[in-house]
C-alpha cells in the first residue's frame, strides 16, 4: 500500500493549491512567463476585442483603401479599405474559439478512449487503437483536407476536423500513462474492493494522467491554432468575409507589393500566438514535473 500513500495525496489533496503552485512555477521562469502572458493577452483580446476596435471586421472605409500604418489605422488598411488592426483583433476570437473548442472536444473524447482502452485491454483496445493508428498514418493537414473535401468547408466542419485529427494523439498519450498506472497497488485495491470501472478510471487513474494530459492539451492547442490558420489560408476553412488570420494572409499575398502590412500583421499574430502557447506548454511540463 506504499504506492497508494504516495500517489493519492499528490493527485487528490487540495488540487486548487497545487495548480496555484504550478501557475507560480510558470511565472518563476522568464521564458514560460512570457508564453503565459502572450496567451492571456490574446484571450483578453478574443473576449473584449470587438469593444476595443475602432471599426468592425467587415467595414469598408470609403477612400481609405491601401493606406499604410498610421495613428488612424495602426496596421494600415487592405485593398478593400478594411482596417487591418480591427480585423486582426476581432479575428483572435475566431481562431482561439475554433482551436480551443476543437482541442477541448479532442481531449475529452481522446481521454475517454485512452482511459477505457488502456484499462480494459484485449480486443477492444486492439481494434480501437489500430483504427487510431490508421488515422495517425496520415499527416494532420492531409487528413483535415480529406475530411473537409467530404463534408465541405464551414466553421462547424473545421471544429469537427480538429476533434477527429487530434483525438487519436490524445488517446495514445493517455493510454500510455494508464498502462503504467494500471498495475499500481491503489488501482488493484480499488478493483478488489469492487469499485465500478467508472470510479477506477476517473477517481483512481485519471489524477495520475492529468499532468501529462495538461501538457498534451497545450501542445494540441498550439497545433490546432496553426491548423485553423492553414485551412483558412488554403481556402477550405472559415470562409470570407470572416477575419480569419490564415484567410487574411491568403487574401493579401497577391497584393503584397501594394499592401505588405495586410499580410505581415496577421502572419505575425499567428506566429506570436503559436510561440506563446509552445512556451507555455514547455513551462507547464517543467512546473508539473517539479510538483511530482
Protein backbone atom coordinates (compact mmCIF):
# COMPACT_ATOMS: atom_id res chain seq x y z
CA UNK A 1 0.00 0.00 0.00
CA UNK A 2 3.06 2.32 -0.07
CA UNK A 3 2.35 3.36 -3.64
CA UNK A 4 -1.16 4.42 -2.70
CA UNK A 5 0.03 6.58 0.15
CA UNK A 6 2.45 8.40 -2.16
CA UNK A 7 0.23 8.84 -5.22
CA UNK A 8 -3.13 9.78 -3.82
CA UNK A 9 -2.24 12.85 -1.76
CA UNK A 10 -0.46 14.40 -4.73
CA UNK A 11 -3.39 13.91 -7.06
CA UNK A 12 -6.35 14.35 -4.77
CA UNK A 13 -5.43 16.64 -1.88
CA UNK A 14 -6.05 20.35 -2.36
CA UNK A 15 -6.00 20.37 -6.19
CA UNK A 16 -6.61 24.12 -6.23
CA UNK A 17 -3.46 24.86 -4.24
CA UNK A 18 -1.46 22.53 -6.44
CA UNK A 19 -2.47 24.38 -9.61
CA UNK A 20 -1.69 27.69 -7.92
CA UNK A 21 1.82 26.36 -7.30
CA UNK A 22 2.02 25.33 -10.95
CA UNK A 23 1.00 28.83 -12.02
CA UNK A 24 3.62 30.30 -9.69
CA UNK A 25 6.15 27.93 -11.25
CA UNK A 26 5.22 29.18 -14.72
CA UNK A 27 5.90 32.78 -13.73
CA UNK A 28 9.09 31.81 -11.89
CA UNK A 29 10.75 31.17 -15.26
CA UNK A 30 11.05 34.18 -17.61
CA UNK A 31 10.51 32.17 -20.80
CA UNK A 32 7.34 30.43 -19.62
CA UNK A 33 6.13 33.69 -18.04
CA UNK A 34 6.38 35.35 -21.45
CA UNK A 35 4.44 32.49 -23.04
CA UNK A 36 1.64 32.60 -20.47
CA UNK A 37 1.41 36.39 -20.75
CA UNK A 38 1.15 36.23 -24.54
CA UNK A 39 -1.64 33.66 -24.33
CA UNK A 40 -3.52 35.66 -21.69
CA UNK A 41 -3.27 38.83 -23.80
CA UNK A 42 -4.72 37.04 -26.82
CA UNK A 43 -7.50 35.54 -24.69
CA UNK A 44 -8.29 39.05 -23.41
CA UNK A 45 -8.42 40.33 -26.99
CA UNK A 46 -10.64 37.43 -28.03
CA UNK A 47 -13.13 38.26 -25.28
CA UNK A 48 -13.09 42.06 -25.41
CA UNK A 49 -11.66 42.69 -28.89
CA UNK A 50 -14.90 43.94 -30.52
CA UNK A 51 -15.17 46.56 -27.75
CA UNK A 52 -11.60 47.77 -28.32
CA UNK A 53 -11.50 48.10 -32.10
CA UNK A 54 -12.42 51.35 -33.88
CA UNK A 55 -14.09 49.58 -36.81
CA UNK A 56 -15.95 46.36 -37.47
CA UNK A 57 -14.18 43.47 -39.17
CA UNK A 58 -16.06 43.89 -42.46
CA UNK A 59 -16.47 47.66 -42.62
CA UNK A 60 -15.10 49.09 -45.88
CA UNK A 61 -13.95 52.68 -45.42
CA UNK A 62 -14.57 54.91 -48.42
CA UNK A 63 -11.37 56.39 -49.79
CA UNK A 64 -9.18 54.55 -47.26
CA UNK A 65 -8.03 51.56 -49.32
CA UNK A 66 -4.35 50.54 -49.19
CA UNK A 67 -3.32 53.04 -46.54
CA UNK A 68 -0.08 52.29 -44.72
CA UNK A 69 0.06 52.00 -40.91
CA UNK A 70 -0.62 55.29 -39.14
CA UNK A 71 -2.14 56.71 -35.97
CA UNK A 72 -5.57 56.43 -37.58
CA UNK A 73 -5.06 52.87 -38.81
CA UNK A 74 -2.44 51.17 -36.63
CA UNK A 75 -1.95 48.22 -39.01
CA UNK A 76 -2.99 50.07 -42.18
CA UNK A 77 -5.90 49.11 -44.43
CA UNK A 78 -6.25 46.38 -47.04
CA UNK A 79 -7.15 46.72 -50.72
CA UNK A 80 -10.87 46.91 -49.84
CA UNK A 81 -10.41 49.66 -47.27
CA UNK A 82 -10.89 47.44 -44.22
CA UNK A 83 -8.95 48.29 -41.07
CA UNK A 84 -6.33 45.54 -40.61
CA UNK A 85 -5.90 46.24 -36.89
CA UNK A 86 -9.62 45.71 -36.25
CA UNK A 87 -9.66 42.53 -38.33
CA UNK A 88 -6.61 41.05 -36.54
CA UNK A 89 -8.01 41.82 -33.08
CA UNK A 90 -11.51 40.53 -33.86
CA UNK A 91 -10.02 37.51 -35.64
CA UNK A 92 -8.45 36.39 -32.36
CA UNK A 93 -11.90 35.31 -31.19
CA UNK A 94 -12.45 33.12 -34.24
CA UNK A 95 -9.11 31.33 -34.18
CA UNK A 96 -8.99 30.88 -30.39
CA UNK A 97 -12.64 29.81 -30.28
CA UNK A 98 -12.29 27.20 -33.03
CA UNK A 99 -8.90 25.92 -31.90
CA UNK A 100 -9.85 25.93 -28.22
CA UNK A 101 -13.23 24.23 -28.61
CA UNK A 102 -11.86 21.70 -31.10
CA UNK A 103 -8.99 20.89 -28.76
CA UNK A 104 -11.38 20.55 -25.83
CA UNK A 105 -13.53 18.04 -27.74
CA UNK A 106 -10.43 16.09 -28.82
CA UNK A 107 -9.12 15.99 -25.25
CA UNK A 108 -12.42 14.86 -23.73
CA UNK A 109 -13.04 12.15 -26.34
CA UNK A 110 -9.39 11.09 -26.54
CA UNK A 111 -9.08 10.88 -22.75
CA UNK A 112 -12.19 8.72 -22.51
CA UNK A 113 -10.97 6.33 -25.19
CA UNK A 114 -7.43 6.26 -23.78
CA UNK A 115 -8.64 5.50 -20.26
CA UNK A 116 -11.05 2.80 -21.34
CA UNK A 117 -8.78 1.19 -23.91
CA UNK A 118 -5.72 1.17 -21.68
CA UNK A 119 -7.62 -0.19 -18.68
CA UNK A 120 -9.68 -2.86 -20.43
CA UNK A 121 -7.06 -4.01 -22.92
CA UNK A 122 -7.85 -7.09 -25.02
CA UNK A 123 -9.70 -6.96 -28.33
CA UNK A 124 -11.38 -3.61 -27.56
CA UNK A 125 -8.04 -1.90 -27.08
CA UNK A 126 -6.51 -3.64 -30.10
CA UNK A 127 -9.29 -2.71 -32.54
CA UNK A 128 -9.70 0.84 -31.24
CA UNK A 129 -6.02 1.75 -31.41
CA UNK A 130 -5.42 0.06 -34.75
CA UNK A 131 -8.17 2.37 -36.05
CA UNK A 132 -6.42 5.33 -34.45
CA UNK A 133 -3.11 4.18 -35.97
CA UNK A 134 -4.68 4.30 -39.43
CA UNK A 135 -5.67 7.93 -38.81
CA UNK A 136 -2.23 8.79 -37.44
CA UNK A 137 -0.59 7.32 -40.55
CA UNK A 138 -1.70 10.42 -42.49
CA UNK A 139 -0.31 13.91 -41.83
CA UNK A 140 -2.74 16.08 -39.90
CA UNK A 141 -3.17 18.64 -42.67
CA UNK A 142 -3.77 15.97 -45.31
CA UNK A 143 -6.35 14.24 -43.13
CA UNK A 144 -8.03 17.59 -42.48
CA UNK A 145 -8.20 18.34 -46.21
CA UNK A 146 -9.68 14.92 -46.94
CA UNK A 147 -12.36 15.39 -44.29
CA UNK A 148 -13.19 18.93 -45.40
CA UNK A 149 -13.37 17.76 -49.01
CA UNK A 150 -16.03 15.29 -47.90
CA UNK A 151 -18.17 17.44 -45.59
CA UNK A 152 -17.47 20.88 -47.07
CA UNK A 153 -15.83 23.99 -45.58
CA UNK A 154 -17.53 25.75 -42.67
CA UNK A 155 -16.87 26.69 -39.05
CA UNK A 156 -18.54 23.50 -37.79
CA UNK A 157 -16.55 21.43 -40.27
CA UNK A 158 -13.27 22.91 -39.03
CA UNK A 159 -14.32 22.17 -35.45
CA UNK A 160 -15.11 18.55 -36.33
CA UNK A 161 -11.84 18.17 -38.23
CA UNK A 162 -9.75 19.37 -35.26
CA UNK A 163 -11.52 16.88 -33.00
CA UNK A 164 -11.04 13.96 -35.40
CA UNK A 165 -7.40 14.78 -36.18
CA UNK A 166 -6.23 15.17 -32.58
CA UNK A 167 -8.39 12.64 -30.70
CA UNK A 168 -6.13 9.67 -31.63
CA UNK A 169 -3.00 11.53 -30.46
CA UNK A 170 -4.52 12.43 -27.10
CA UNK A 171 -5.86 8.89 -26.70
CA UNK A 172 -2.39 7.40 -27.27
CA UNK A 173 -0.80 9.69 -24.68
CA UNK A 174 -3.46 8.86 -22.09
CA UNK A 175 -3.30 5.14 -22.84
CA UNK A 176 0.47 5.06 -22.30
CA UNK A 177 0.04 6.57 -18.83
CA UNK A 178 -2.84 4.24 -18.00
CA UNK A 179 -0.74 1.19 -18.89
CA UNK A 180 1.95 2.30 -16.44
CA UNK A 181 -0.56 3.15 -13.67
CA UNK A 182 -2.87 0.13 -14.03
CA UNK A 183 -0.57 -2.35 -12.20
CA UNK A 184 -0.15 0.01 -9.22
CA UNK A 185 -1.37 -1.20 -5.83
CA UNK A 186 -4.01 1.51 -5.31
CA UNK A 187 -5.71 0.51 -8.58
CA UNK A 188 -5.61 -3.17 -7.65
CA UNK A 189 -7.01 -2.31 -4.21
CA UNK A 190 -9.94 -0.46 -5.78
CA UNK A 191 -10.69 -3.45 -8.01
CA UNK A 192 -10.52 -5.79 -5.01
CA UNK A 193 -13.00 -3.60 -3.14
CA UNK A 194 -15.44 -3.98 -6.02
CA UNK A 195 -15.35 -0.38 -7.25
CA UNK A 196 -17.01 0.29 -10.60
CA UNK A 197 -14.97 0.77 -13.76
CA UNK A 198 -16.10 4.41 -13.89
CA UNK A 199 -14.83 5.01 -10.36
CA UNK A 200 -11.49 3.36 -11.04
CA UNK A 201 -10.94 5.26 -14.29
CA UNK A 202 -11.94 8.74 -13.17
CA UNK A 203 -11.18 8.68 -9.44
CA UNK A 204 -8.12 6.44 -9.23
CA UNK A 205 -6.35 6.58 -12.62
CA UNK A 206 -7.29 9.97 -14.10
CA UNK A 207 -5.47 12.05 -11.43
CA UNK A 208 -2.23 10.32 -12.42
CA UNK A 209 -2.94 11.11 -16.09
CA UNK A 210 -3.62 14.84 -15.56
CA UNK A 211 0.00 16.13 -15.60
CA UNK A 212 0.79 14.53 -18.96
CA UNK A 213 -2.68 15.39 -20.26
CA UNK A 214 -2.29 19.05 -19.32
CA UNK A 215 0.93 19.37 -21.30
CA UNK A 216 -0.54 17.45 -24.24
CA UNK A 217 -3.61 19.72 -24.23
CA UNK A 218 -1.41 22.81 -24.50
CA UNK A 219 0.53 21.25 -27.38
CA UNK A 220 -2.63 20.18 -29.23
CA UNK A 221 -4.00 23.71 -28.77
CA UNK A 222 -0.87 25.09 -30.40
CA UNK A 223 -1.15 22.73 -33.36
CA UNK A 224 -4.89 23.42 -33.65
CA UNK A 225 -4.22 27.16 -33.97
CA UNK A 226 -1.79 26.51 -36.79
CA UNK A 227 -4.20 24.03 -38.43
CA UNK A 228 -7.09 26.52 -38.38
CA UNK A 229 -4.85 29.19 -39.90
CA UNK A 230 -3.53 26.74 -42.53
CA UNK A 231 -7.03 25.69 -43.57
CA UNK A 232 -8.07 29.34 -43.81
CA UNK A 233 -5.01 30.09 -45.95
CA UNK A 234 -5.90 27.22 -48.30
CA UNK A 235 -9.48 28.49 -48.57
CA UNK A 236 -11.12 25.39 -47.12
CA UNK A 237 -11.62 26.63 -43.56
CA UNK A 238 -13.53 29.66 -42.35
CA UNK A 239 -14.96 31.48 -45.36
CA UNK A 240 -14.92 35.21 -46.26
CA UNK A 241 -15.65 37.81 -45.03
CA UNK A 242 -14.70 36.39 -41.59
CA UNK A 243 -11.42 37.85 -40.27
CA UNK A 244 -9.63 34.51 -40.08
CA UNK A 245 -5.89 35.17 -39.85
CA UNK A 246 -4.96 32.47 -42.36
CA UNK A 247 -7.60 33.71 -44.77
CA UNK A 248 -6.30 37.29 -44.35
CA UNK A 249 -2.78 36.15 -45.28
CA UNK A 250 -4.14 34.30 -48.31
CA UNK A 251 -6.16 37.29 -49.50
CA UNK A 252 -3.23 39.70 -49.08
CA UNK A 253 -0.42 37.61 -50.59
CA UNK A 254 -1.32 38.53 -54.18
CA UNK A 255 -1.09 42.23 -53.26
CA UNK A 256 2.00 42.05 -51.04
CA UNK A 257 3.83 44.65 -53.14
CA UNK A 258 0.97 47.13 -52.62
CA UNK A 259 -0.18 46.34 -49.07
CA UNK A 260 2.51 44.22 -47.36
CA UNK A 261 1.15 45.16 -43.92
CA UNK A 262 -2.15 43.42 -44.71
CA UNK A 263 -0.23 40.12 -44.88
CA UNK A 264 2.53 40.65 -42.33
CA UNK A 265 0.38 41.62 -39.33
CA UNK A 266 -1.99 38.59 -39.36
CA UNK A 267 1.01 36.32 -40.08
CA UNK A 268 2.81 37.85 -37.10
CA UNK A 269 -0.27 37.29 -34.92
CA UNK A 270 -0.31 33.58 -35.87
CA UNK A 271 3.41 33.21 -35.14
CA UNK A 272 3.25 35.09 -31.85
CA UNK A 273 0.30 33.09 -30.54
CA UNK A 274 1.79 29.72 -31.54
CA UNK A 275 5.13 30.65 -29.95
CA UNK A 276 3.35 31.79 -26.78
CA UNK A 277 1.39 28.55 -26.45
CA UNK A 278 4.52 26.45 -27.03
CA UNK A 279 6.47 28.38 -24.42
CA UNK A 280 3.56 27.91 -22.01
CA UNK A 281 3.43 24.17 -22.76
CA UNK A 282 7.16 23.81 -22.07
CA UNK A 283 6.74 25.74 -18.83
CA UNK A 284 3.78 23.58 -17.83
CA UNK A 285 5.86 20.44 -18.35
CA UNK A 286 8.66 21.75 -16.14
CA UNK A 287 6.29 23.07 -13.47
CA UNK A 288 4.32 19.82 -13.27
CA UNK A 289 7.49 17.75 -13.10
CA UNK A 290 8.57 19.90 -10.20
CA UNK A 291 5.30 19.06 -8.37
CA UNK A 292 5.75 15.30 -8.68
